[in-house]
Amino acid sequence: MNLNSLEHQKMLEQISKHCPQAMWTFMHLYNRRDEEGCVYMSRKQIETHLSENYAGFKKNVMALARENLLMWAEIDDGISIMMDRDD
């Protein structure tokens, strides 16, 4: 993420004002996305690698979706997320 970009600064400001509890989740997802802007995380990955329970993670993802920062869907035993790929 280029923090010198006005677009990225506005995005981070939006998160800090409207869903600050989701900032860490957003940054983690942003850094894990693939070349198409997608991330899939299983419940086990969330609970093991992020040391966060699935319900809390999902709550943060839903807050970010309400801010139109990502789209998500529950798939099998995890969450599939799509974010913009505009770097």
N, C-alpha and C. Protein backbone atom coordinates (compact mmCIF):
# COMPACT_ATOMS: atom_id res chain seq x y z
N MET A 1 0.85 -1.17 0.00
CA MET A 1 0.00 0.00 0.00
C MET A 1 0.89 1.23 0.00
N ASN A 2 0.67 2.08 -0.94
CA ASN A 2 1.42 3.31 -1.04
C ASN A 2 0.73 4.37 -0.18
N LEU A 3 1.28 4.65 0.99
CA LEU A 3 0.63 5.60 1.89
C LEU A 3 0.74 7.03 1.41
N ASN A 4 1.53 7.28 0.37
CA ASN A 4 1.60 8.61 -0.21
C ASN A 4 0.44 8.86 -1.16
N SER A 5 -0.23 7.80 -1.52
CA SER A 5 -1.38 7.92 -2.42
C SER A 5 -2.56 8.52 -1.67
N LEU A 6 -3.17 9.53 -2.23
CA LEU A 6 -4.32 10.18 -1.62
C LEU A 6 -5.47 9.19 -1.47
N GLU A 7 -5.64 8.33 -2.45
CA GLU A 7 -6.71 7.33 -2.40
C GLU A 7 -6.52 6.39 -1.20
N HIS A 8 -5.31 5.93 -0.98
CA HIS A 8 -5.05 5.03 0.14
C HIS A 8 -5.18 5.76 1.48
N GLN A 9 -4.77 7.02 1.53
CA GLN A 9 -4.92 7.79 2.76
C GLN A 9 -6.40 7.95 3.11
N LYS A 10 -7.23 8.21 2.10
CA LYS A 10 -8.67 8.36 2.33
C LYS A 10 -9.28 7.04 2.79
N MET A 11 -8.81 5.93 2.22
CA MET A 11 -9.30 4.62 2.60
C MET A 11 -8.99 4.34 4.07
N LEU A 12 -7.76 4.60 4.49
CA LEU A 12 -7.36 4.37 5.87
C LEU A 12 -8.10 5.31 6.83
N GLU A 13 -8.33 6.52 6.41
CA GLU A 13 -9.09 7.47 7.23
C GLU A 13 -10.53 6.99 7.39
N GLN A 14 -11.12 6.49 6.32
CA GLN A 14 -12.48 5.96 6.36
C GLN A 14 -12.57 4.80 7.38
N ILE A 15 -11.61 3.91 7.34
CA ILE A 15 -11.61 2.78 8.27
C ILE A 15 -11.44 3.28 9.71
N SER A 16 -10.51 4.20 9.92
CA SER A 16 -10.25 4.68 11.28
C SER A 16 -11.46 5.41 11.87
N LYS A 17 -12.26 6.03 11.03
CA LYS A 17 -13.44 6.76 11.52
C LYS A 17 -14.66 5.85 11.71
N HIS A 18 -14.87 4.93 10.78
CA HIS A 18 -16.12 4.16 10.76
C HIS A 18 -16.02 2.75 11.34
N CYS A 19 -14.86 2.15 11.28
CA CYS A 19 -14.70 0.79 11.83
C CYS A 19 -13.26 0.56 12.26
N PRO A 20 -12.79 1.34 13.25
CA PRO A 20 -11.39 1.24 13.66
C PRO A 20 -10.99 -0.15 14.14
N GLN A 21 -11.93 -0.89 14.69
CA GLN A 21 -11.61 -2.24 15.17
C GLN A 21 -11.21 -3.16 14.02
N ALA A 22 -11.53 -2.78 12.79
CA ALA A 22 -11.24 -3.62 11.62
C ALA A 22 -9.95 -3.21 10.90
N MET A 23 -9.23 -2.24 11.41
CA MET A 23 -8.02 -1.76 10.73
C MET A 23 -6.99 -2.87 10.56
N TRP A 24 -6.70 -3.61 11.65
CA TRP A 24 -5.70 -4.68 11.57
C TRP A 24 -6.14 -5.73 10.56
N THR A 25 -7.42 -6.09 10.57
CA THR A 25 -7.95 -7.08 9.63
C THR A 25 -7.77 -6.59 8.20
N PHE A 26 -8.09 -5.32 7.95
CA PHE A 26 -7.94 -4.76 6.61
C PHE A 26 -6.50 -4.83 6.13
N MET A 27 -5.58 -4.40 6.99
CA MET A 27 -4.17 -4.40 6.60
C MET A 27 -3.66 -5.82 6.33
N HIS A 28 -4.09 -6.75 7.15
CA HIS A 28 -3.68 -8.14 6.95
C HIS A 28 -4.21 -8.66 5.61
N LEU A 29 -5.49 -8.43 5.34
CA LEU A 29 -6.08 -8.90 4.08
C LEU A 29 -5.45 -8.21 2.88
N TYR A 30 -5.21 -6.92 3.00
CA TYR A 30 -4.62 -6.14 1.91
C TYR A 30 -3.25 -6.72 1.52
N ASN A 31 -2.48 -7.10 2.52
CA ASN A 31 -1.15 -7.64 2.27
C ASN A 31 -1.17 -9.10 1.79
N ARG A 32 -2.24 -9.82 2.02
CA ARG A 32 -2.34 -11.23 1.62
C ARG A 32 -3.02 -11.44 0.26
N ARG A 33 -3.63 -10.41 -0.29
CA ARG A 33 -4.40 -10.59 -1.53
C ARG A 33 -3.49 -11.01 -2.68
N ASP A 34 -4.07 -11.77 -3.60
CA ASP A 34 -3.30 -12.23 -4.76
C ASP A 34 -3.33 -11.19 -5.87
N GLU A 35 -2.80 -11.55 -7.03
CA GLU A 35 -2.71 -10.60 -8.14
C GLU A 35 -4.07 -10.14 -8.65
N GLU A 36 -5.13 -10.87 -8.30
CA GLU A 36 -6.48 -10.47 -8.70
C GLU A 36 -7.23 -9.78 -7.58
N GLY A 37 -6.58 -9.60 -6.44
CA GLY A 37 -7.21 -8.92 -5.31
C GLY A 37 -8.04 -9.83 -4.42
N CYS A 38 -7.82 -11.14 -4.51
CA CYS A 38 -8.62 -12.10 -3.76
C CYS A 38 -7.82 -12.73 -2.61
N VAL A 39 -8.56 -13.09 -1.56
CA VAL A 39 -7.98 -13.78 -0.41
C VAL A 39 -8.99 -14.83 0.03
N TYR A 40 -8.51 -16.03 0.32
CA TYR A 40 -9.36 -17.04 0.95
C TYR A 40 -8.67 -17.45 2.23
N MET A 41 -9.43 -17.47 3.32
CA MET A 41 -8.88 -17.91 4.60
C MET A 41 -9.85 -18.89 5.24
N SER A 42 -9.33 -20.04 5.62
CA SER A 42 -10.16 -21.03 6.31
C SER A 42 -10.28 -20.64 7.78
N ARG A 43 -11.25 -21.24 8.46
CA ARG A 43 -11.39 -21.00 9.90
C ARG A 43 -10.09 -21.32 10.63
N LYS A 44 -9.48 -22.43 10.24
CA LYS A 44 -8.24 -22.86 10.90
C LYS A 44 -7.13 -21.83 10.71
N GLN A 45 -6.98 -21.29 9.48
CA GLN A 45 -5.96 -20.26 9.24
C GLN A 45 -6.22 -19.03 10.09
N ILE A 46 -7.47 -18.62 10.15
CA ILE A 46 -7.82 -17.42 10.92
C ILE A 46 -7.48 -17.63 12.39
N GLU A 47 -7.90 -18.76 12.92
CA GLU A 47 -7.69 -19.00 14.34
C GLU A 47 -6.24 -19.34 14.69
N THR A 48 -5.51 -19.98 13.76
CA THR A 48 -4.13 -20.36 14.03
C THR A 48 -3.15 -19.24 13.71
N HIS A 49 -3.20 -18.72 12.50
CA HIS A 49 -2.22 -17.73 12.06
C HIS A 49 -2.52 -16.32 12.54
N LEU A 50 -3.79 -16.00 12.71
CA LEU A 50 -4.13 -14.64 13.13
C LEU A 50 -4.42 -14.55 14.62
N SER A 51 -4.51 -15.70 15.27
CA SER A 51 -4.84 -15.74 16.70
C SER A 51 -6.12 -14.95 16.99
N GLU A 52 -7.10 -15.12 16.13
CA GLU A 52 -8.37 -14.41 16.26
C GLU A 52 -9.48 -15.43 16.05
N ASN A 53 -10.57 -15.29 16.81
CA ASN A 53 -11.65 -16.24 16.58
C ASN A 53 -12.39 -15.88 15.30
N TYR A 54 -13.01 -16.89 14.71
CA TYR A 54 -13.65 -16.73 13.41
C TYR A 54 -14.77 -15.69 13.46
N ALA A 55 -15.56 -15.70 14.53
CA ALA A 55 -16.69 -14.76 14.63
C ALA A 55 -16.20 -13.31 14.65
N GLY A 56 -15.12 -13.04 15.38
CA GLY A 56 -14.57 -11.69 15.44
C GLY A 56 -14.01 -11.24 14.10
N PHE A 57 -13.32 -12.15 13.44
CA PHE A 57 -12.77 -11.86 12.11
C PHE A 57 -13.89 -11.56 11.13
N LYS A 58 -14.92 -12.39 11.14
CA LYS A 58 -16.07 -12.20 10.24
C LYS A 58 -16.77 -10.87 10.52
N LYS A 59 -16.88 -10.50 11.79
CA LYS A 59 -17.50 -9.22 12.15
C LYS A 59 -16.70 -8.06 11.54
N ASN A 60 -15.38 -8.13 11.61
CA ASN A 60 -14.53 -7.08 11.02
C ASN A 60 -14.68 -7.05 9.50
N VAL A 61 -14.73 -8.21 8.86
CA VAL A 61 -14.90 -8.29 7.41
C VAL A 61 -16.24 -7.66 7.02
N MET A 62 -17.28 -7.96 7.79
CA MET A 62 -18.60 -7.38 7.49
C MET A 62 -18.58 -5.87 7.64
N ALA A 63 -17.86 -5.34 8.63
CA ALA A 63 -17.75 -3.89 8.81
C ALA A 63 -17.05 -3.25 7.62
N LEU A 64 -16.00 -3.89 7.13
CA LEU A 64 -15.28 -3.38 5.96
C LEU A 64 -16.15 -3.45 4.71
N ALA A 65 -16.97 -4.48 4.60
CA ALA A 65 -17.88 -4.60 3.45
C ALA A 65 -18.94 -3.49 3.48
N ARG A 66 -19.42 -3.14 4.66
CA ARG A 66 -20.40 -2.05 4.77
C ARG A 66 -19.81 -0.73 4.30
N GLU A 67 -18.49 -0.59 4.41
CA GLU A 67 -17.80 0.62 3.94
C GLU A 67 -17.40 0.51 2.47
N ASN A 68 -17.83 -0.55 1.80
CA ASN A 68 -17.54 -0.80 0.38
C ASN A 68 -16.03 -0.92 0.10
N LEU A 69 -15.30 -1.50 1.06
CA LEU A 69 -13.87 -1.68 0.88
C LEU A 69 -13.52 -3.08 0.40
N LEU A 70 -14.49 -3.98 0.47
CA LEU A 70 -14.29 -5.34 -0.02
C LEU A 70 -15.63 -6.02 -0.20
N MET A 71 -15.59 -7.16 -0.88
CA MET A 71 -16.76 -8.03 -1.00
C MET A 71 -16.34 -9.37 -0.42
N TRP A 72 -17.30 -10.10 0.16
CA TRP A 72 -16.94 -11.35 0.81
C TRP A 72 -18.07 -12.35 0.70
N ALA A 73 -17.72 -13.61 0.91
CA ALA A 73 -18.70 -14.69 0.95
C ALA A 73 -18.12 -15.81 1.81
N GLU A 74 -19.01 -16.46 2.56
CA GLU A 74 -18.59 -17.64 3.31
C GLU A 74 -18.61 -18.82 2.36
N ILE A 75 -17.51 -19.54 2.29
CA ILE A 75 -17.39 -20.70 1.42
C ILE A 75 -16.84 -21.84 2.24
N ASP A 76 -17.57 -22.94 2.26
CA ASP A 76 -17.18 -24.14 3.01
C ASP A 76 -16.80 -23.77 4.44
N ASP A 77 -15.55 -23.89 4.77
CA ASP A 77 -15.13 -23.67 6.16
C ASP A 77 -14.33 -22.38 6.31
N GLY A 78 -14.60 -21.38 5.48
CA GLY A 78 -13.84 -20.14 5.56
C GLY A 78 -14.52 -18.97 4.89
N ILE A 79 -13.73 -17.97 4.59
CA ILE A 79 -14.22 -16.73 3.98
C ILE A 79 -13.40 -16.42 2.74
N SER A 80 -14.09 -16.10 1.66
CA SER A 80 -13.46 -15.66 0.43
C SER A 80 -13.69 -14.15 0.32
N ILE A 81 -12.63 -13.42 0.03
CA ILE A 81 -12.69 -11.96 0.02
C ILE A 81 -12.11 -11.43 -1.27
N MET A 82 -12.74 -10.39 -1.82
CA MET A 82 -12.23 -9.73 -3.00
C MET A 82 -12.06 -8.25 -2.70
N MET A 83 -10.85 -7.75 -2.96
CA MET A 83 -10.51 -6.34 -2.74
C MET A 83 -10.04 -5.74 -4.04
N ASP A 84 -10.03 -4.42 -4.12
CA ASP A 84 -9.47 -3.76 -5.30
C ASP A 84 -8.00 -4.09 -5.44
N ARG A 85 -7.55 -4.10 -6.67
CA ARG A 85 -6.14 -4.39 -6.94
C ARG A 85 -5.42 -3.14 -7.45
N ASP A 86 -5.99 -1.97 -7.22
CA ASP A 86 -5.40 -0.72 -7.70
C ASP A 86 -4.29 -0.27 -6.78
N ASP A 87 -3.06 -0.57 -7.15
CA ASP A 87 -1.91 -0.13 -6.34
C ASP A 87 -1.37 1.13 -6.94
